[in-house]
Amino acid sequence: MEINITCRNFEADVPLKEYVRKKLGKLQKMYDRVYRTEIILDEEKERKNAEIILYLRRNRVIAKESSTDVYASVDQAVDSIKKQLRRLSGRVRSKRRKQMMKNIMRPVRMFYPSADISVPDEFQSIIKTNAFADKPMLPEEAKLDLEANEKSFLMFKNSDTGEHNVIYKKSNGNYGLIEPKF
């Protein structure tokens, strides 16, 4: 990792530069995808500012902190960067898991299209659809209503039995009817 230290309005001594390198080396251990780091130390009246910019492969992480001591400013900026890197690594890990799950499931679905495949809860989501007929009807009427609305399923109250049924369109063009049995 390349580290560039820039000082504005003051000269940094060797112990300060070593301290900064030591702190940024810990960041390298935490997140190894950093290829370049810039730290800008600035002095304005009594305030000492520290700005850290980490250049990653696709984006960059920036932290700016200010206090009355240069070392405290560097510590605060490093803590802020650590929080950001922790969040970023969590997002990257989650994205990798989702991609890995897709890569695993794609061949399974290709060879077994009708197989009942369970997906972990973290990848499942509930999508609300309004496919419920509020008036009682016969299954034939429900089929016509399903064709007219171009939906994949329709829940309706069967006028013959008084039970709630579901009619759905199968992939082969036929229709399926689900009748509950309690």
Protein backbone atom coordinates (compact mmCIF):
# COMPACT_ATOMS: atom_id res chain seq x y z
CA MET A 1 0.00 0.00 0.00
CA GLU A 2 1.31 3.39 -1.02
CA ILE A 3 1.03 6.06 1.71
CA ASN A 4 1.33 9.78 0.89
CA ILE A 5 1.54 12.20 3.82
CA THR A 6 0.96 15.89 3.07
CA CYS A 7 1.36 18.63 5.68
CA ARG A 8 -0.08 22.11 5.25
CA ASN A 9 1.00 25.14 7.28
CA PHE A 10 3.46 23.13 9.42
CA GLU A 11 6.29 20.64 9.17
CA ALA A 12 5.66 17.10 10.39
CA ASP A 13 8.40 15.53 12.45
CA VAL A 14 9.55 11.92 12.06
CA PRO A 15 7.63 10.52 15.08
CA LEU A 16 4.35 11.92 13.70
CA LYS A 17 4.97 10.34 10.29
CA GLU A 18 5.81 6.99 11.92
CA TYR A 19 2.67 7.20 14.05
CA VAL A 20 0.53 7.83 10.97
CA ARG A 21 2.19 4.95 9.07
CA LYS A 22 1.63 2.61 12.04
CA LYS A 23 -2.07 3.55 12.27
CA LEU A 24 -2.62 3.17 8.52
CA GLY A 25 -0.79 -0.17 8.53
CA LYS A 26 -3.48 -1.48 10.91
CA LEU A 27 -6.11 -0.42 8.37
CA GLN A 28 -4.26 -2.42 5.72
CA LYS A 29 -4.55 -5.54 7.88
CA MET A 30 -8.27 -4.91 8.40
CA TYR A 31 -9.11 -4.37 4.72
CA ASP A 32 -6.49 -5.55 2.25
CA ARG A 33 -8.02 -4.07 -0.92
CA VAL A 34 -6.58 -0.60 -0.33
CA TYR A 35 -3.98 0.22 -2.94
CA ARG A 36 -3.21 3.86 -2.10
CA THR A 37 -3.70 6.10 0.92
CA GLU A 38 -3.41 9.85 1.24
CA ILE A 39 -3.38 11.68 4.54
CA ILE A 40 -3.52 15.45 4.67
CA LEU A 41 -2.55 17.11 7.95
CA ASP A 42 -3.50 20.77 8.23
CA GLU A 43 -3.08 23.41 10.91
CA GLU A 44 -5.48 26.36 11.26
CA LYS A 45 -4.99 28.62 14.28
CA GLU A 46 -5.56 26.23 17.24
CA ARG A 47 -7.27 23.46 15.19
CA LYS A 48 -5.35 20.53 13.73
CA ASN A 49 -7.17 18.75 10.91
CA ALA A 50 -6.57 15.25 9.57
CA GLU A 51 -8.10 13.99 6.34
CA ILE A 52 -7.60 10.37 5.26
CA ILE A 53 -8.47 9.20 1.76
CA LEU A 54 -8.31 5.47 0.99
CA TYR A 55 -8.39 4.51 -2.67
CA LEU A 56 -10.01 1.14 -3.21
CA ARG A 57 -10.55 -0.75 -6.43
CA ARG A 58 -13.93 0.77 -7.28
CA ASN A 59 -14.41 3.63 -4.86
CA ARG A 60 -12.74 5.61 -2.14
CA VAL A 61 -13.33 6.15 1.55
CA ILE A 62 -12.84 9.59 3.10
CA ALA A 63 -12.69 10.73 6.73
CA LYS A 64 -12.09 14.26 7.99
CA GLU A 65 -11.56 15.03 11.66
CA SER A 66 -10.44 18.05 13.63
CA SER A 67 -9.19 18.66 17.18
CA THR A 68 -6.60 20.65 19.11
CA ASP A 69 -3.96 17.87 18.82
CA VAL A 70 -2.66 16.32 15.59
CA TYR A 71 -2.42 12.85 17.11
CA ALA A 72 -6.02 13.01 18.36
CA SER A 73 -7.20 14.13 14.92
CA VAL A 74 -5.41 11.19 13.29
CA ASP A 75 -6.89 8.77 15.83
CA GLN A 76 -10.43 10.08 15.25
CA ALA A 77 -10.03 9.91 11.47
CA VAL A 78 -8.70 6.34 11.67
CA ASP A 79 -11.66 5.32 13.87
CA SER A 80 -14.06 6.85 11.35
CA ILE A 81 -12.34 5.00 8.50
CA LYS A 82 -12.53 1.74 10.46
CA LYS A 83 -16.31 2.12 10.83
CA GLN A 84 -16.69 2.82 7.13
CA LEU A 85 -14.50 -0.15 6.17
CA ARG A 86 -16.44 -2.45 8.50
CA ARG A 87 -19.70 -1.44 6.80
CA LEU A 88 -18.13 -1.73 3.36
CA SER A 89 -16.72 -5.20 4.02
CA GLY A 90 -20.14 -6.33 5.28
CA ARG A 91 -21.79 -5.10 2.09
CA VAL A 92 -19.12 -6.76 -0.06
CA ARG A 93 -19.50 -10.02 1.88
CA SER A 94 -23.29 -9.91 1.49
CA LYS A 95 -22.97 -9.18 -2.21
CA ARG A 96 -20.56 -12.10 -2.63
CA ARG A 97 -22.96 -14.43 -0.82
CA LYS A 98 -25.84 -13.42 -3.06
CA GLN A 99 -23.70 -13.85 -6.17
CA MET A 100 -22.45 -17.23 -4.97
CA MET A 101 -26.02 -18.33 -4.26
CA LYS A 102 -27.05 -17.31 -7.77
CA ASN A 103 -24.10 -19.18 -9.29
CA ILE A 104 -24.96 -22.30 -7.31
CA MET A 105 -28.69 -22.19 -8.02
CA ARG A 106 -28.46 -21.42 -11.74
CA PRO A 107 -27.09 -24.86 -12.78
CA VAL A 108 -29.50 -26.61 -10.43
CA ARG A 109 -32.46 -24.82 -11.99
CA MET A 110 -31.09 -25.53 -15.44
CA PHE A 111 -30.93 -29.30 -14.91
CA TYR A 112 -33.93 -29.61 -12.58
CA PRO A 113 -36.42 -26.90 -13.60
CA SER A 114 -39.34 -28.46 -11.76
CA ALA A 115 -37.39 -29.28 -8.57
CA ASP A 116 -38.57 -27.72 -5.35
CA ILE A 117 -35.47 -25.78 -4.26
CA SER A 118 -35.36 -24.16 -0.88
CA VAL A 119 -33.64 -20.80 -0.67
CA PRO A 120 -32.25 -19.47 2.64
CA ASP A 121 -34.41 -16.90 4.43
CA GLU A 122 -31.98 -14.03 3.87
CA PHE A 123 -32.49 -14.32 0.09
CA GLN A 124 -36.27 -14.65 0.20
CA SER A 125 -38.64 -11.73 0.15
CA ILE A 126 -42.41 -11.32 0.22
CA ILE A 127 -43.92 -9.44 -2.67
CA LYS A 128 -47.46 -8.17 -2.14
CA THR A 129 -49.87 -8.87 -4.96
CA ASN A 130 -53.55 -8.06 -5.03
CA ALA A 131 -55.02 -11.12 -6.69
CA PHE A 132 -58.19 -11.77 -4.71
CA ALA A 133 -61.72 -11.76 -6.08
CA ASP A 134 -64.11 -10.39 -3.48
CA LYS A 135 -67.31 -11.86 -4.95
CA PRO A 136 -68.19 -15.58 -4.89
CA MET A 137 -67.73 -17.25 -8.29
CA LEU A 138 -67.45 -20.62 -9.99
CA PRO A 139 -64.02 -21.97 -10.99
CA GLU A 140 -64.90 -21.40 -14.69
CA GLU A 141 -65.65 -17.73 -13.97
CA ALA A 142 -62.41 -17.45 -12.03
CA LYS A 143 -60.55 -18.91 -15.04
CA LEU A 144 -62.07 -16.28 -17.34
CA ASP A 145 -61.23 -13.53 -14.83
CA LEU A 146 -57.65 -14.84 -14.60
CA GLU A 147 -57.28 -14.75 -18.39
CA ALA A 148 -58.73 -11.24 -18.59
CA ASN A 149 -56.39 -9.80 -15.93
CA GLU A 150 -53.32 -11.66 -17.23
CA LYS A 151 -52.28 -12.68 -13.71
CA SER A 152 -50.52 -15.91 -12.80
CA PHE A 153 -53.01 -16.82 -10.05
CA LEU A 154 -56.29 -15.73 -8.52
CA MET A 155 -57.74 -16.42 -5.09
CA PHE A 156 -61.53 -16.51 -5.00
CA LYS A 157 -64.45 -17.76 -2.93
CA ASN A 158 -66.05 -20.77 -4.58
CA SER A 159 -69.82 -20.21 -4.79
CA ASP A 160 -70.50 -23.97 -4.77
CA THR A 161 -68.52 -24.93 -1.66
CA GLY A 162 -68.17 -21.57 0.15
CA GLU A 163 -64.41 -22.23 0.57
CA HIS A 164 -61.55 -20.05 -0.62
CA ASN A 165 -59.80 -21.54 -3.65
CA VAL A 166 -56.81 -20.58 -5.77
CA ILE A 167 -56.68 -21.00 -9.52
CA TYR A 168 -53.34 -20.67 -11.29
CA LYS A 169 -51.94 -20.97 -14.78
CA LYS A 170 -49.47 -23.81 -15.34
CA SER A 171 -46.44 -23.57 -17.60
CA ASN A 172 -47.99 -26.00 -20.12
CA GLY A 173 -51.02 -23.70 -20.64
CA ASN A 174 -53.49 -25.60 -18.43
CA TYR A 175 -55.01 -24.30 -15.23
CA GLY A 176 -54.66 -25.70 -11.73
CA LEU A 177 -57.20 -25.39 -8.91
CA ILE A 178 -56.24 -25.55 -5.24
CA GLU A 179 -59.07 -26.49 -2.88
CA PRO A 180 -58.36 -26.55 0.87
CA LYS A 181 -59.16 -29.67 2.84
CA PHE A 182 -59.35 -29.19 6.60
